[in-house]
């Protein structure tokens, strides 16, 4: 299994029951873009998190090690 530093996507937050429905915030380690993932039953969805202006939320790459 790859270490976190070798994974492209890193989970930084998770909320929910896990069985019926849960949410997670995932960061792309190459771009820094934050995504919201929803897991529910047989369905999963993923969308970029947006700021008030409609632009994707980007975590500076130098912050990646402090998020995990």
PDB file of N, CA and C in Angstrom:
ATOM      1  N   UNK A   1       0.838  -1.181   0.000  1.00  0.00           N
ATOM      2  CA  UNK A   1       0.000   0.000   0.000  1.00  0.00           C
ATOM      3  C   UNK A   1       0.882   1.243   0.000  1.00  0.00           C
ATOM      4  N   UNK A   2       0.521   2.234  -0.790  1.00  0.00           N
ATOM      5  CA  UNK A   2       1.321   3.455  -0.913  1.00  0.00           C
ATOM      6  C   UNK A   2       1.174   4.317   0.334  1.00  0.00           C
ATOM      7  N   UNK A   3       2.268   4.991   0.690  1.00  0.00           N
ATOM      8  CA  UNK A   3       2.187   5.924   1.815  1.00  0.00           C
ATOM      9  C   UNK A   3       1.403   7.146   1.369  1.00  0.00           C
ATOM     10  N   UNK A   4       0.935   7.961   2.339  1.00  0.00           N
ATOM     11  CA  UNK A   4       0.146   9.147   2.017  1.00  0.00           C
ATOM     12  C   UNK A   4       0.886  10.097   1.087  1.00  0.00           C
ATOM     13  N   UNK A   5       2.191  10.181   1.209  1.00  0.00           N
ATOM     14  CA  UNK A   5       2.959  11.101   0.367  1.00  0.00           C
ATOM     15  C   UNK A   5       2.981  10.648  -1.090  1.00  0.00           C
ATOM     16  N   UNK A   6       2.664   9.372  -1.352  1.00  0.00           N
ATOM     17  CA  UNK A   6       2.642   8.860  -2.717  1.00  0.00           C
ATOM     18  C   UNK A   6       1.237   8.826  -3.313  1.00  0.00           C
ATOM     19  N   UNK A   7       0.219   9.121  -2.510  1.00  0.00           N
ATOM     20  CA  UNK A   7      -1.155   9.113  -2.999  1.00  0.00           C
ATOM     21  C   UNK A   7      -1.494  10.462  -3.618  1.00  0.00           C
ATOM     22  N   UNK A   8      -2.252  10.440  -4.702  1.00  0.00           N
ATOM     23  CA  UNK A   8      -2.657  11.700  -5.332  1.00  0.00           C
ATOM     24  C   UNK A   8      -3.740  12.383  -4.506  1.00  0.00           C
ATOM     25  N   UNK A   9      -4.692  11.648  -3.966  1.00  0.00           N
ATOM     26  CA  UNK A   9      -5.796  12.220  -3.203  1.00  0.00           C
ATOM     27  C   UNK A   9      -5.654  11.850  -1.733  1.00  0.00           C
ATOM     28  N   UNK A  10      -5.870  12.848  -0.865  1.00  0.00           N
ATOM     29  CA  UNK A  10      -5.745  12.636   0.573  1.00  0.00           C
ATOM     30  C   UNK A  10      -7.037  13.094   1.244  1.00  0.00           C
ATOM     31  N   UNK A  11      -7.603  12.216   2.088  1.00  0.00           N
ATOM     32  CA  UNK A  11      -8.805  12.569   2.841  1.00  0.00           C
ATOM     33  C   UNK A  11      -8.390  13.373   4.077  1.00  0.00           C
ATOM     34  N   UNK A  12      -8.956  14.586   4.222  1.00  0.00           N
ATOM     35  CA  UNK A  12      -8.597  15.437   5.350  1.00  0.00           C
ATOM     36  C   UNK A  12      -9.734  15.610   6.348  1.00  0.00           C
ATOM     37  N   UNK A  13     -10.954  15.194   5.977  1.00  0.00           N
ATOM     38  CA  UNK A  13     -12.098  15.329   6.880  1.00  0.00           C
ATOM     39  C   UNK A  13     -13.141  14.317   6.477  1.00  0.00           C
ATOM     40  N   UNK A  14     -13.831  13.752   7.472  1.00  0.00           N
ATOM     41  CA  UNK A  14     -14.923  12.816   7.192  1.00  0.00           C
ATOM     42  C   UNK A  14     -16.007  12.989   8.232  1.00  0.00           C
ATOM     43  N   UNK A  15     -17.256  12.890   7.779  1.00  0.00           N
ATOM     44  CA  UNK A  15     -18.411  13.049   8.666  1.00  0.00           C
ATOM     45  C   UNK A  15     -19.517  12.124   8.187  1.00  0.00           C
ATOM     46  N   UNK A  16     -20.230  11.512   9.120  1.00  0.00           N
ATOM     47  CA  UNK A  16     -21.375  10.680   8.767  1.00  0.00           C
ATOM     48  C   UNK A  16     -21.254   9.293   9.330  1.00  0.00           C
ATOM     49  N   UNK A  17     -22.281   8.518   9.069  1.00  0.00           N
ATOM     50  CA  UNK A  17     -22.378   7.180   9.641  1.00  0.00           C
ATOM     51  C   UNK A  17     -21.497   6.166   8.941  1.00  0.00           C
ATOM     52  N   UNK A  18     -21.178   6.415   7.685  1.00  0.00           N
ATOM     53  CA  UNK A  18     -20.355   5.477   6.946  1.00  0.00           C
ATOM     54  C   UNK A  18     -21.146   4.369   6.287  1.00  0.00           C
ATOM     55  N   UNK A  19     -22.235   3.930   6.904  1.00  0.00           N
ATOM     56  CA  UNK A  19     -23.025   2.855   6.314  1.00  0.00           C
ATOM     57  C   UNK A  19     -24.115   3.405   5.399  1.00  0.00           C
ATOM     58  N   UNK A  20     -24.855   4.397   5.867  1.00  0.00           N
ATOM     59  CA  UNK A  20     -25.948   4.932   5.066  1.00  0.00           C
ATOM     60  C   UNK A  20     -25.523   6.130   4.229  1.00  0.00           C
ATOM     61  N   UNK A  21     -24.804   7.042   4.847  1.00  0.00           N
ATOM     62  CA  UNK A  21     -24.406   8.246   4.145  1.00  0.00           C
ATOM     63  C   UNK A  21     -23.235   8.890   4.874  1.00  0.00           C
ATOM     64  N   UNK A  22     -22.255   9.338   4.129  1.00  0.00           N
ATOM     65  CA  UNK A  22     -21.137  10.055   4.734  1.00  0.00           C
ATOM     66  C   UNK A  22     -20.559  11.037   3.722  1.00  0.00           C
ATOM     67  N   UNK A  23     -19.860  12.015   4.253  1.00  0.00           N
ATOM     68  CA  UNK A  23     -19.210  13.043   3.455  1.00  0.00           C
ATOM     69  C   UNK A  23     -17.735  13.073   3.801  1.00  0.00           C
ATOM     70  N   UNK A  24     -16.917  13.450   2.835  1.00  0.00           N
ATOM     71  CA  UNK A  24     -15.486  13.593   3.069  1.00  0.00           C
ATOM     72  C   UNK A  24     -14.959  14.751   2.240  1.00  0.00           C
ATOM     73  N   UNK A  25     -13.926  15.404   2.761  1.00  0.00           N
ATOM     74  CA  UNK A  25     -13.204  16.407   1.983  1.00  0.00           C
ATOM     75  C   UNK A  25     -11.892  15.768   1.566  1.00  0.00           C
ATOM     76  N   UNK A  26     -11.659  15.795   0.267  1.00  0.00           N
ATOM     77  CA  UNK A  26     -10.491  15.171  -0.348  1.00  0.00           C
ATOM     78  C   UNK A  26      -9.673  16.281  -1.009  1.00  0.00           C
ATOM     79  N   UNK A  27      -8.354  16.230  -0.869  1.00  0.00           N
ATOM     80  CA  UNK A  27      -7.487  17.205  -1.534  1.00  0.00           C
ATOM     81  C   UNK A  27      -6.634  16.489  -2.573  1.00  0.00           C
ATOM     82  N   UNK A  28      -6.600  17.062  -3.760  1.00  0.00           N
ATOM     83  CA  UNK A  28      -5.736  16.566  -4.835  1.00  0.00           C
ATOM     84  C   UNK A  28      -4.332  17.093  -4.559  1.00  0.00           C
ATOM     85  N   UNK A  29      -3.390  16.196  -4.301  1.00  0.00           N
ATOM     86  CA  UNK A  29      -2.030  16.607  -3.934  1.00  0.00           C
ATOM     87  C   UNK A  29      -1.266  17.240  -5.097  1.00  0.00           C
ATOM     88  N   UNK A  30      -1.703  17.040  -6.337  1.00  0.00           N
ATOM     89  CA  UNK A  30      -1.020  17.657  -7.472  1.00  0.00           C
ATOM     90  C   UNK A  30      -1.470  19.098  -7.704  1.00  0.00           C
ATOM     91  N   UNK A  31      -2.754  19.364  -7.506  1.00  0.00           N
ATOM     92  CA  UNK A  31      -3.303  20.689  -7.808  1.00  0.00           C
ATOM     93  C   UNK A  31      -3.677  21.480  -6.567  1.00  0.00           C
ATOM     94  N   UNK A  32      -3.903  20.793  -5.431  1.00  0.00           N
ATOM     95  CA  UNK A  32      -4.356  21.456  -4.213  1.00  0.00           C
ATOM     96  C   UNK A  32      -5.853  21.683  -4.174  1.00  0.00           C
ATOM     97  N   UNK A  33      -6.586  21.315  -5.237  1.00  0.00           N
ATOM     98  CA  UNK A  33      -8.033  21.524  -5.286  1.00  0.00           C
ATOM     99  C   UNK A  33      -8.714  20.630  -4.248  1.00  0.00           C
ATOM    100  N   UNK A  34      -9.688  21.220  -3.508  1.00  0.00           N
ATOM    101  CA  UNK A  34     -10.469  20.511  -2.489  1.00  0.00           C
ATOM    102  C   UNK A  34     -11.767  20.015  -3.111  1.00  0.00           C
ATOM    103  N   UNK A  35     -12.125  18.775  -2.814  1.00  0.00           N
ATOM    104  CA  UNK A  35     -13.354  18.175  -3.325  1.00  0.00           C
ATOM    105  C   UNK A  35     -14.210  17.692  -2.165  1.00  0.00           C
ATOM    106  N   UNK A  36     -15.535  17.763  -2.340  1.00  0.00           N
ATOM    107  CA  UNK A  36     -16.479  17.172  -1.409  1.00  0.00           C
ATOM    108  C   UNK A  36     -16.955  15.871  -2.022  1.00  0.00           C
ATOM    109  N   UNK A  37     -16.816  14.790  -1.274  1.00  0.00           N
ATOM    110  CA  UNK A  37     -17.293  13.490  -1.733  1.00  0.00           C
ATOM    111  C   UNK A  37     -18.448  13.063  -0.845  1.00  0.00           C
ATOM    112  N   UNK A  38     -19.470  12.491  -1.479  1.00  0.00           N
ATOM    113  CA  UNK A  38     -20.615  11.942  -0.755  1.00  0.00           C
ATOM    114  C   UNK A  38     -20.702  10.462  -1.079  1.00  0.00           C
ATOM    115  N   UNK A  39     -20.790   9.660  -0.028  1.00  0.00           N
ATOM    116  CA  UNK A  39     -20.952   8.218  -0.164  1.00  0.00           C
ATOM    117  C   UNK A  39     -22.312   7.876   0.410  1.00  0.00           C
ATOM    118  N   UNK A  40     -23.170   7.277  -0.392  1.00  0.00           N
ATOM    119  CA  UNK A  40     -24.498   6.916   0.106  1.00  0.00           C
ATOM    120  C   UNK A  40     -25.001   5.658  -0.558  1.00  0.00           C
ATOM    121  N   UNK A  41     -25.057   4.583   0.201  1.00  0.00           N
ATOM    122  CA  UNK A  41     -25.555   3.329  -0.348  1.00  0.00           C
ATOM    123  C   UNK A  41     -24.733   2.884  -1.538  1.00  0.00           C
ATOM    124  N   UNK A  42     -25.394   2.768  -2.687  1.00  0.00           N
ATOM    125  CA  UNK A  42     -24.714   2.326  -3.902  1.00  0.00           C
ATOM    126  C   UNK A  42     -24.184   3.491  -4.732  1.00  0.00           C
ATOM    127  N   UNK A  43     -24.356   4.722  -4.264  1.00  0.00           N
ATOM    128  CA  UNK A  43     -23.999   5.890  -5.059  1.00  0.00           C
ATOM    129  C   UNK A  43     -22.896   6.700  -4.403  1.00  0.00           C
ATOM    130  N   UNK A  44     -22.040   7.241  -5.220  1.00  0.00           N
ATOM    131  CA  UNK A  44     -20.984   8.146  -4.767  1.00  0.00           C
ATOM    132  C   UNK A  44     -20.975   9.343  -5.694  1.00  0.00           C
ATOM    133  N   UNK A  45     -20.637  10.503  -5.149  1.00  0.00           N
ATOM    134  CA  UNK A  45     -20.496  11.690  -5.991  1.00  0.00           C
ATOM    135  C   UNK A  45     -19.327  12.517  -5.482  1.00  0.00           C
ATOM    136  N   UNK A  46     -18.777  13.323  -6.395  1.00  0.00           N
ATOM    137  CA  UNK A  46     -17.627  14.144  -6.067  1.00  0.00           C
ATOM    138  C   UNK A  46     -17.774  15.470  -6.800  1.00  0.00           C
ATOM    139  N   UNK A  47     -17.541  16.572  -6.080  1.00  0.00           N
ATOM    140  CA  UNK A  47     -17.631  17.893  -6.689  1.00  0.00           C
ATOM    141  C   UNK A  47     -16.594  18.802  -6.051  1.00  0.00           C
ATOM    142  N   UNK A  48     -16.038  19.745  -6.805  1.00  0.00           N
ATOM    143  CA  UNK A  48     -15.072  20.648  -6.182  1.00  0.00           C
ATOM    144  C   UNK A  48     -15.763  21.568  -5.181  1.00  0.00           C
ATOM    145  N   UNK A  49     -15.070  21.878  -4.092  1.00  0.00           N
ATOM    146  CA  UNK A  49     -15.569  22.866  -3.139  1.00  0.00           C
ATOM    147  C   UNK A  49     -15.298  24.245  -3.723  1.00  0.00           C
ATOM    148  N   UNK A  50     -16.283  25.141  -3.655  1.00  0.00           N
ATOM    149  CA  UNK A  50     -16.158  26.471  -4.228  1.00  0.00           C
ATOM    150  C   UNK A  50     -16.209  27.531  -3.138  1.00  0.00           C
ATOM    151  N   UNK A  51     -15.499  28.649  -3.382  1.00  0.00           N
ATOM    152  CA  UNK A  51     -15.570  29.769  -2.446  1.00  0.00           C
ATOM    153  C   UNK A  51     -16.777  30.649  -2.796  1.00  0.00           C
ATOM    154  N   UNK A  52     -16.920  31.785  -2.112  1.00  0.00           N
ATOM    155  CA  UNK A  52     -18.068  32.667  -2.305  1.00  0.00           C
ATOM    156  C   UNK A  52     -18.141  33.230  -3.723  1.00  0.00           C
ATOM    157  N   UNK A  53     -17.018  33.292  -4.418  1.00  0.00           N
ATOM    158  CA  UNK A  53     -16.979  33.821  -5.785  1.00  0.00           C
ATOM    159  C   UNK A  53     -17.159  32.743  -6.841  1.00  0.00           C
ATOM    160  N   UNK A  54     -17.319  31.496  -6.411  1.00  0.00           N
ATOM    161  CA  UNK A  54     -17.505  30.408  -7.352  1.00  0.00           C
ATOM    162  C   UNK A  54     -16.215  29.787  -7.852  1.00  0.00           C
ATOM    163  N   UNK A  55     -15.091  30.166  -7.270  1.00  0.00           N
ATOM    164  CA  UNK A  55     -13.793  29.589  -7.658  1.00  0.00           C
ATOM    165  C   UNK A  55     -13.480  28.383  -6.771  1.00  0.00           C
ATOM    166  N   UNK A  56     -12.787  27.386  -7.307  1.00  0.00           N
ATOM    167  CA  UNK A  56     -12.419  26.213  -6.499  1.00  0.00           C
ATOM    168  C   UNK A  56     -11.543  26.616  -5.309  1.00  0.00           C
ATOM    169  N   UNK A  57     -11.771  25.968  -4.174  1.00  0.00           N
ATOM    170  CA  UNK A  57     -10.923  26.165  -3.007  1.00  0.00           C
ATOM    171  C   UNK A  57      -9.649  25.353  -3.220  1.00  0.00           C
ATOM    172  N   UNK A  58      -8.511  26.024  -3.087  1.00  0.00           N
ATOM    173  CA  UNK A  58      -7.221  25.388  -3.327  1.00  0.00           C
ATOM    174  C   UNK A  58      -6.381  25.501  -2.061  1.00  0.00           C
ATOM    175  N   UNK A  59      -5.906  24.369  -1.574  1.00  0.00           N
ATOM    176  CA  UNK A  59      -4.990  24.334  -0.439  1.00  0.00           C
ATOM    177  C   UNK A  59      -3.576  24.461  -0.986  1.00  0.00           C
ATOM    178  N   UNK A  60      -2.810  25.454  -0.519  1.00  0.00           N
ATOM    179  CA  UNK A  60      -1.424  25.564  -0.997  1.00  0.00           C
ATOM    180  C   UNK A  60      -0.675  24.253  -0.769  1.00  0.00           C
ATOM    181  N   UNK A  61       0.104  23.860  -1.745  1.00  0.00           N
ATOM    182  CA  UNK A  61       0.786  22.574  -1.681  1.00  0.00           C
ATOM    183  C   UNK A  61       1.718  22.473  -0.483  1.00  0.00           C
ATOM    184  N   UNK A  62       2.265  23.591   0.000  1.00  0.00           N
ATOM    185  CA  UNK A  62       3.139  23.532   1.168  1.00  0.00           C
ATOM    186  C   UNK A  62       2.367  23.239   2.443  1.00  0.00           C
ATOM    187  N   UNK A  63       1.034  23.341   2.420  1.00  0.00           N
ATOM    188  CA  UNK A  63       0.200  23.012   3.582  1.00  0.00           C
ATOM    189  C   UNK A  63      -0.181  21.541   3.634  1.00  0.00           C
ATOM    190  N   UNK A  64       0.116  20.782   2.595  1.00  0.00           N
ATOM    191  CA  UNK A  64      -0.345  19.391   2.512  1.00  0.00           C
ATOM    192  C   UNK A  64       0.097  18.544   3.699  1.00  0.00           C
ATOM    193  N   UNK A  65       1.325  18.671   4.140  1.00  0.00           N
ATOM    194  CA  UNK A  65       1.803  17.829   5.230  1.00  0.00           C
ATOM    195  C   UNK A  65       1.159  18.189   6.547  1.00  0.00           C
ATOM    196  N   UNK A  66       0.680  19.416   6.722  1.00  0.00           N
ATOM    197  CA  UNK A  66       0.029  19.808   7.968  1.00  0.00           C
ATOM    198  C   UNK A  66      -1.418  19.375   7.993  1.00  0.00           C
ATOM    199  N   UNK A  67      -2.013  19.012   6.837  1.00  0.00           N
ATOM    200  CA  UNK A  67      -3.409  18.594   6.785  1.00  0.00           C
ATOM    201  C   UNK A  67      -3.589  17.154   7.212  1.00  0.00           C
ATOM    202  N   UNK A  68      -2.572  16.372   7.185  1.00  0.00           N
ATOM    203  CA  UNK A  68      -2.699  14.940   7.467  1.00  0.00           C
ATOM    204  C   UNK A  68      -2.216  14.619   8.831  1.00  0.00           C
TER     205      UNK A  68
END
